[in-house]
């Protein structure tokens, strides 16, 4: 497995565009240049079946609802125990 790291939402969108082998995106909501909501919308237009998981400090139910409406496939709040992250990722990567 190779892990790619984008510093902002715009970079994340470009990485997905340039790398058809990306199997999953773990996306922060608050990022510079382009937020995770906007980036996820663009990614889902390009690759609707690509799993995109929100990882965010926003823990309110309305934040999760908004994330799911824009196309995130799952939602993890920070800080997250390592086991929780691994369990969620394994569910998509197996």
N, C-alpha and C. Protein backbone atom coordinates (compact mmCIF):
# COMPACT_ATOMS: atom_id res chain seq x y z
N UNK A 1 0.85 -1.17 0.00
CA UNK A 1 0.00 0.00 0.00
C UNK A 1 0.90 1.23 0.00
N UNK A 2 0.51 2.21 -0.79
CA UNK A 2 1.23 3.49 -0.83
C UNK A 2 0.29 4.57 -0.32
N UNK A 3 0.81 5.45 0.53
CA UNK A 3 0.02 6.54 1.08
C UNK A 3 0.49 7.84 0.42
N UNK A 4 -0.46 8.58 -0.13
CA UNK A 4 -0.19 9.89 -0.71
C UNK A 4 -0.74 10.94 0.24
N UNK A 5 -0.08 12.07 0.34
CA UNK A 5 -0.51 13.12 1.27
C UNK A 5 -0.72 14.43 0.51
N UNK A 6 -1.91 14.96 0.59
CA UNK A 6 -2.20 16.27 0.01
C UNK A 6 -2.26 17.29 1.14
N UNK A 7 -1.78 18.50 0.89
CA UNK A 7 -1.77 19.54 1.91
C UNK A 7 -3.03 20.39 1.90
N UNK A 8 -3.84 20.25 0.85
CA UNK A 8 -5.09 21.00 0.78
C UNK A 8 -6.05 20.28 -0.15
N UNK A 9 -7.29 20.73 -0.18
CA UNK A 9 -8.30 20.06 -0.98
C UNK A 9 -8.02 20.08 -2.46
N UNK A 10 -7.44 21.17 -2.94
CA UNK A 10 -7.12 21.27 -4.37
C UNK A 10 -6.10 20.20 -4.76
N UNK A 11 -5.08 20.01 -3.92
CA UNK A 11 -4.08 18.97 -4.18
C UNK A 11 -4.72 17.59 -4.15
N UNK A 12 -5.64 17.37 -3.23
CA UNK A 12 -6.31 16.07 -3.14
C UNK A 12 -7.08 15.76 -4.42
N UNK A 13 -7.80 16.75 -4.93
CA UNK A 13 -8.56 16.57 -6.18
C UNK A 13 -7.59 16.24 -7.32
N UNK A 14 -6.49 16.97 -7.40
CA UNK A 14 -5.52 16.73 -8.47
C UNK A 14 -4.89 15.34 -8.35
N UNK A 15 -4.61 14.91 -7.13
CA UNK A 15 -4.03 13.58 -6.94
C UNK A 15 -4.97 12.49 -7.44
N UNK A 16 -6.25 12.63 -7.12
CA UNK A 16 -7.23 11.64 -7.59
C UNK A 16 -7.30 11.67 -9.11
N UNK A 17 -7.26 12.85 -9.69
CA UNK A 17 -7.32 13.00 -11.14
C UNK A 17 -6.10 12.34 -11.80
N UNK A 18 -4.93 12.51 -11.19
CA UNK A 18 -3.68 12.01 -11.77
C UNK A 18 -3.37 10.55 -11.44
N UNK A 19 -4.06 9.97 -10.46
CA UNK A 19 -3.73 8.62 -9.99
C UNK A 19 -4.97 7.72 -9.98
N UNK A 20 -5.27 7.07 -11.09
CA UNK A 20 -6.46 6.22 -11.14
C UNK A 20 -6.40 5.01 -10.22
N UNK A 21 -5.23 4.70 -9.67
CA UNK A 21 -5.10 3.55 -8.77
C UNK A 21 -5.44 3.87 -7.32
N UNK A 22 -5.75 5.13 -7.01
CA UNK A 22 -6.14 5.48 -5.64
C UNK A 22 -7.40 4.70 -5.30
N UNK A 23 -7.36 4.01 -4.16
CA UNK A 23 -8.47 3.12 -3.77
C UNK A 23 -9.35 3.72 -2.68
N UNK A 24 -8.86 4.77 -2.00
CA UNK A 24 -9.61 5.36 -0.90
C UNK A 24 -9.03 6.74 -0.58
N UNK A 25 -9.89 7.65 -0.16
CA UNK A 25 -9.44 8.98 0.26
C UNK A 25 -9.90 9.22 1.69
N UNK A 26 -8.96 9.59 2.54
CA UNK A 26 -9.26 10.02 3.91
C UNK A 26 -9.13 11.53 3.89
N UNK A 27 -10.24 12.24 4.04
CA UNK A 27 -10.30 13.68 3.78
C UNK A 27 -10.62 14.48 5.04
N UNK A 28 -9.79 15.47 5.33
CA UNK A 28 -10.10 16.41 6.39
C UNK A 28 -11.14 17.40 5.86
N UNK A 29 -11.94 17.96 6.74
CA UNK A 29 -12.96 18.93 6.33
C UNK A 29 -12.34 20.33 6.21
N UNK A 30 -11.59 20.74 7.22
CA UNK A 30 -10.98 22.08 7.21
C UNK A 30 -9.57 22.02 6.66
N UNK A 31 -9.41 22.60 5.48
CA UNK A 31 -8.09 22.67 4.85
C UNK A 31 -7.97 24.00 4.13
N UNK A 32 -6.74 24.43 3.91
CA UNK A 32 -6.56 25.66 3.14
C UNK A 32 -6.88 25.44 1.66
N UNK A 33 -7.02 26.50 0.93
CA UNK A 33 -7.24 26.55 -0.52
C UNK A 33 -8.62 26.04 -0.91
N UNK A 34 -8.94 24.78 -0.57
CA UNK A 34 -10.24 24.19 -0.88
C UNK A 34 -10.61 23.27 0.28
N UNK A 35 -11.81 23.46 0.85
CA UNK A 35 -12.20 22.63 1.99
C UNK A 35 -12.56 21.21 1.54
N UNK A 36 -12.69 20.33 2.52
CA UNK A 36 -12.97 18.93 2.24
C UNK A 36 -14.33 18.68 1.62
N UNK A 37 -15.32 19.51 1.95
CA UNK A 37 -16.64 19.36 1.34
C UNK A 37 -16.56 19.58 -0.17
N UNK A 38 -15.93 20.68 -0.55
CA UNK A 38 -15.81 21.02 -1.98
C UNK A 38 -14.96 19.99 -2.71
N UNK A 39 -13.83 19.62 -2.09
CA UNK A 39 -12.93 18.64 -2.72
C UNK A 39 -13.64 17.31 -2.92
N UNK A 40 -14.40 16.88 -1.93
CA UNK A 40 -15.11 15.61 -2.05
C UNK A 40 -16.15 15.67 -3.16
N UNK A 41 -16.86 16.78 -3.26
CA UNK A 41 -17.83 16.93 -4.36
C UNK A 41 -17.16 16.78 -5.71
N UNK A 42 -16.00 17.39 -5.88
CA UNK A 42 -15.27 17.29 -7.16
C UNK A 42 -14.76 15.87 -7.40
N UNK A 43 -14.25 15.24 -6.35
CA UNK A 43 -13.75 13.87 -6.49
C UNK A 43 -14.89 12.93 -6.86
N UNK A 44 -16.03 13.08 -6.22
CA UNK A 44 -17.17 12.19 -6.49
C UNK A 44 -17.71 12.39 -7.91
N UNK A 45 -17.57 13.59 -8.47
CA UNK A 45 -17.98 13.81 -9.87
C UNK A 45 -17.07 13.04 -10.82
N UNK A 46 -15.78 12.97 -10.48
CA UNK A 46 -14.82 12.25 -11.33
C UNK A 46 -14.92 10.74 -11.14
N UNK A 47 -15.01 10.34 -9.86
CA UNK A 47 -14.97 8.92 -9.52
C UNK A 47 -16.03 8.62 -8.45
N UNK A 48 -17.28 8.48 -8.86
CA UNK A 48 -18.37 8.31 -7.90
C UNK A 48 -18.25 7.09 -6.99
N UNK A 49 -17.54 6.08 -7.43
CA UNK A 49 -17.42 4.86 -6.63
C UNK A 49 -16.21 4.86 -5.70
N UNK A 50 -15.38 5.89 -5.76
CA UNK A 50 -14.20 5.97 -4.90
C UNK A 50 -14.63 6.32 -3.48
N UNK A 51 -14.33 5.47 -2.50
CA UNK A 51 -14.69 5.79 -1.11
C UNK A 51 -13.93 7.00 -0.60
N UNK A 52 -14.66 7.96 -0.04
CA UNK A 52 -14.06 9.15 0.57
C UNK A 52 -14.59 9.21 2.00
N UNK A 53 -13.67 9.17 2.96
CA UNK A 53 -14.02 9.15 4.38
C UNK A 53 -13.61 10.48 5.00
N UNK A 54 -14.55 11.14 5.65
CA UNK A 54 -14.26 12.39 6.34
C UNK A 54 -13.56 12.09 7.65
N UNK A 55 -12.51 12.84 7.92
CA UNK A 55 -11.85 12.77 9.23
C UNK A 55 -11.79 14.20 9.74
N UNK A 56 -12.51 14.46 10.82
CA UNK A 56 -12.68 15.84 11.24
C UNK A 56 -12.86 15.99 12.74
N UNK A 57 -12.56 17.17 13.23
CA UNK A 57 -12.80 17.49 14.64
C UNK A 57 -14.25 17.90 14.87
N UNK A 58 -15.00 18.15 13.79
CA UNK A 58 -16.41 18.53 13.91
C UNK A 58 -17.21 17.28 14.30
N UNK A 59 -17.78 17.28 15.50
CA UNK A 59 -18.41 16.07 16.02
C UNK A 59 -19.92 16.18 16.19
N UNK A 60 -20.51 17.29 15.76
CA UNK A 60 -21.96 17.44 15.91
C UNK A 60 -22.70 16.63 14.85
N UNK A 61 -23.91 16.18 15.18
CA UNK A 61 -24.67 15.35 14.25
C UNK A 61 -24.95 16.08 12.94
N UNK A 62 -25.16 17.40 13.00
CA UNK A 62 -25.42 18.14 11.77
C UNK A 62 -24.18 18.20 10.87
N UNK A 63 -22.98 18.14 11.47
CA UNK A 63 -21.75 18.09 10.67
C UNK A 63 -21.67 16.77 9.92
N UNK A 64 -22.02 15.69 10.60
CA UNK A 64 -22.01 14.37 9.95
C UNK A 64 -23.05 14.33 8.84
N UNK A 65 -24.23 14.87 9.10
CA UNK A 65 -25.29 14.89 8.08
C UNK A 65 -24.83 15.66 6.85
N UNK A 66 -24.21 16.81 7.05
CA UNK A 66 -23.72 17.61 5.93
C UNK A 66 -22.67 16.83 5.13
N UNK A 67 -21.76 16.18 5.84
CA UNK A 67 -20.72 15.40 5.17
C UNK A 67 -21.32 14.29 4.32
N UNK A 68 -22.29 13.61 4.84
CA UNK A 68 -22.90 12.51 4.09
C UNK A 68 -23.68 13.04 2.88
N UNK A 69 -24.28 14.22 3.02
CA UNK A 69 -25.04 14.81 1.90
C UNK A 69 -24.13 15.20 0.74
N UNK A 70 -22.92 15.66 1.03
CA UNK A 70 -22.03 16.06 -0.07
C UNK A 70 -21.32 14.88 -0.71
N UNK A 71 -21.45 13.69 -0.13
CA UNK A 71 -20.91 12.51 -0.79
C UNK A 71 -19.89 11.69 -0.03
N UNK A 72 -19.55 12.09 1.19
CA UNK A 72 -18.64 11.25 1.96
C UNK A 72 -19.29 9.88 2.19
N UNK A 73 -18.47 8.85 2.21
CA UNK A 73 -18.97 7.49 2.42
C UNK A 73 -18.98 7.10 3.89
N UNK A 74 -18.18 7.79 4.68
CA UNK A 74 -18.11 7.50 6.10
C UNK A 74 -17.55 8.74 6.79
N UNK A 75 -17.54 8.71 8.13
CA UNK A 75 -17.22 9.89 8.92
C UNK A 75 -16.51 9.45 10.19
N UNK A 76 -15.30 9.95 10.41
CA UNK A 76 -14.53 9.65 11.60
C UNK A 76 -14.20 10.96 12.30
N UNK A 77 -14.45 11.04 13.60
CA UNK A 77 -14.11 12.26 14.33
C UNK A 77 -12.70 12.16 14.92
N UNK A 78 -12.05 13.31 15.03
CA UNK A 78 -10.72 13.38 15.64
C UNK A 78 -10.87 13.87 17.07
N UNK A 79 -10.03 13.42 17.95
CA UNK A 79 -9.03 12.38 17.74
C UNK A 79 -9.69 11.00 17.69
N UNK A 80 -9.12 10.16 16.87
CA UNK A 80 -9.67 8.81 16.69
C UNK A 80 -8.65 7.78 17.15
N UNK A 81 -9.10 6.78 17.89
CA UNK A 81 -8.18 5.70 18.23
C UNK A 81 -7.71 4.99 16.96
N UNK A 82 -6.46 4.60 16.95
CA UNK A 82 -5.87 3.94 15.78
C UNK A 82 -6.71 2.75 15.33
N UNK A 83 -7.19 1.95 16.27
CA UNK A 83 -7.98 0.76 15.92
C UNK A 83 -9.24 1.15 15.16
N UNK A 84 -9.88 2.24 15.56
CA UNK A 84 -11.09 2.68 14.89
C UNK A 84 -10.80 3.04 13.43
N UNK A 85 -9.72 3.77 13.20
CA UNK A 85 -9.35 4.15 11.84
C UNK A 85 -9.03 2.91 11.01
N UNK A 86 -8.24 2.01 11.57
CA UNK A 86 -7.87 0.79 10.85
C UNK A 86 -9.12 -0.03 10.52
N UNK A 87 -10.04 -0.18 11.46
CA UNK A 87 -11.27 -0.93 11.21
C UNK A 87 -12.08 -0.33 10.07
N UNK A 88 -12.22 0.98 10.05
CA UNK A 88 -12.99 1.65 8.98
C UNK A 88 -12.29 1.46 7.64
N UNK A 89 -10.99 1.70 7.61
CA UNK A 89 -10.26 1.57 6.35
C UNK A 89 -10.29 0.14 5.82
N UNK A 90 -10.13 -0.83 6.71
CA UNK A 90 -10.17 -2.23 6.27
C UNK A 90 -11.50 -2.60 5.63
N UNK A 91 -12.56 -2.00 6.13
CA UNK A 91 -13.88 -2.27 5.55
C UNK A 91 -13.99 -1.85 4.10
N UNK A 92 -13.20 -0.86 3.70
CA UNK A 92 -13.24 -0.39 2.31
C UNK A 92 -12.14 -0.98 1.45
N UNK A 93 -11.03 -1.38 2.05
CA UNK A 93 -9.88 -1.83 1.28
C UNK A 93 -9.82 -3.34 1.09
N UNK A 94 -10.63 -4.09 1.76
CA UNK A 94 -10.59 -5.56 1.59
C UNK A 94 -11.27 -5.98 0.33
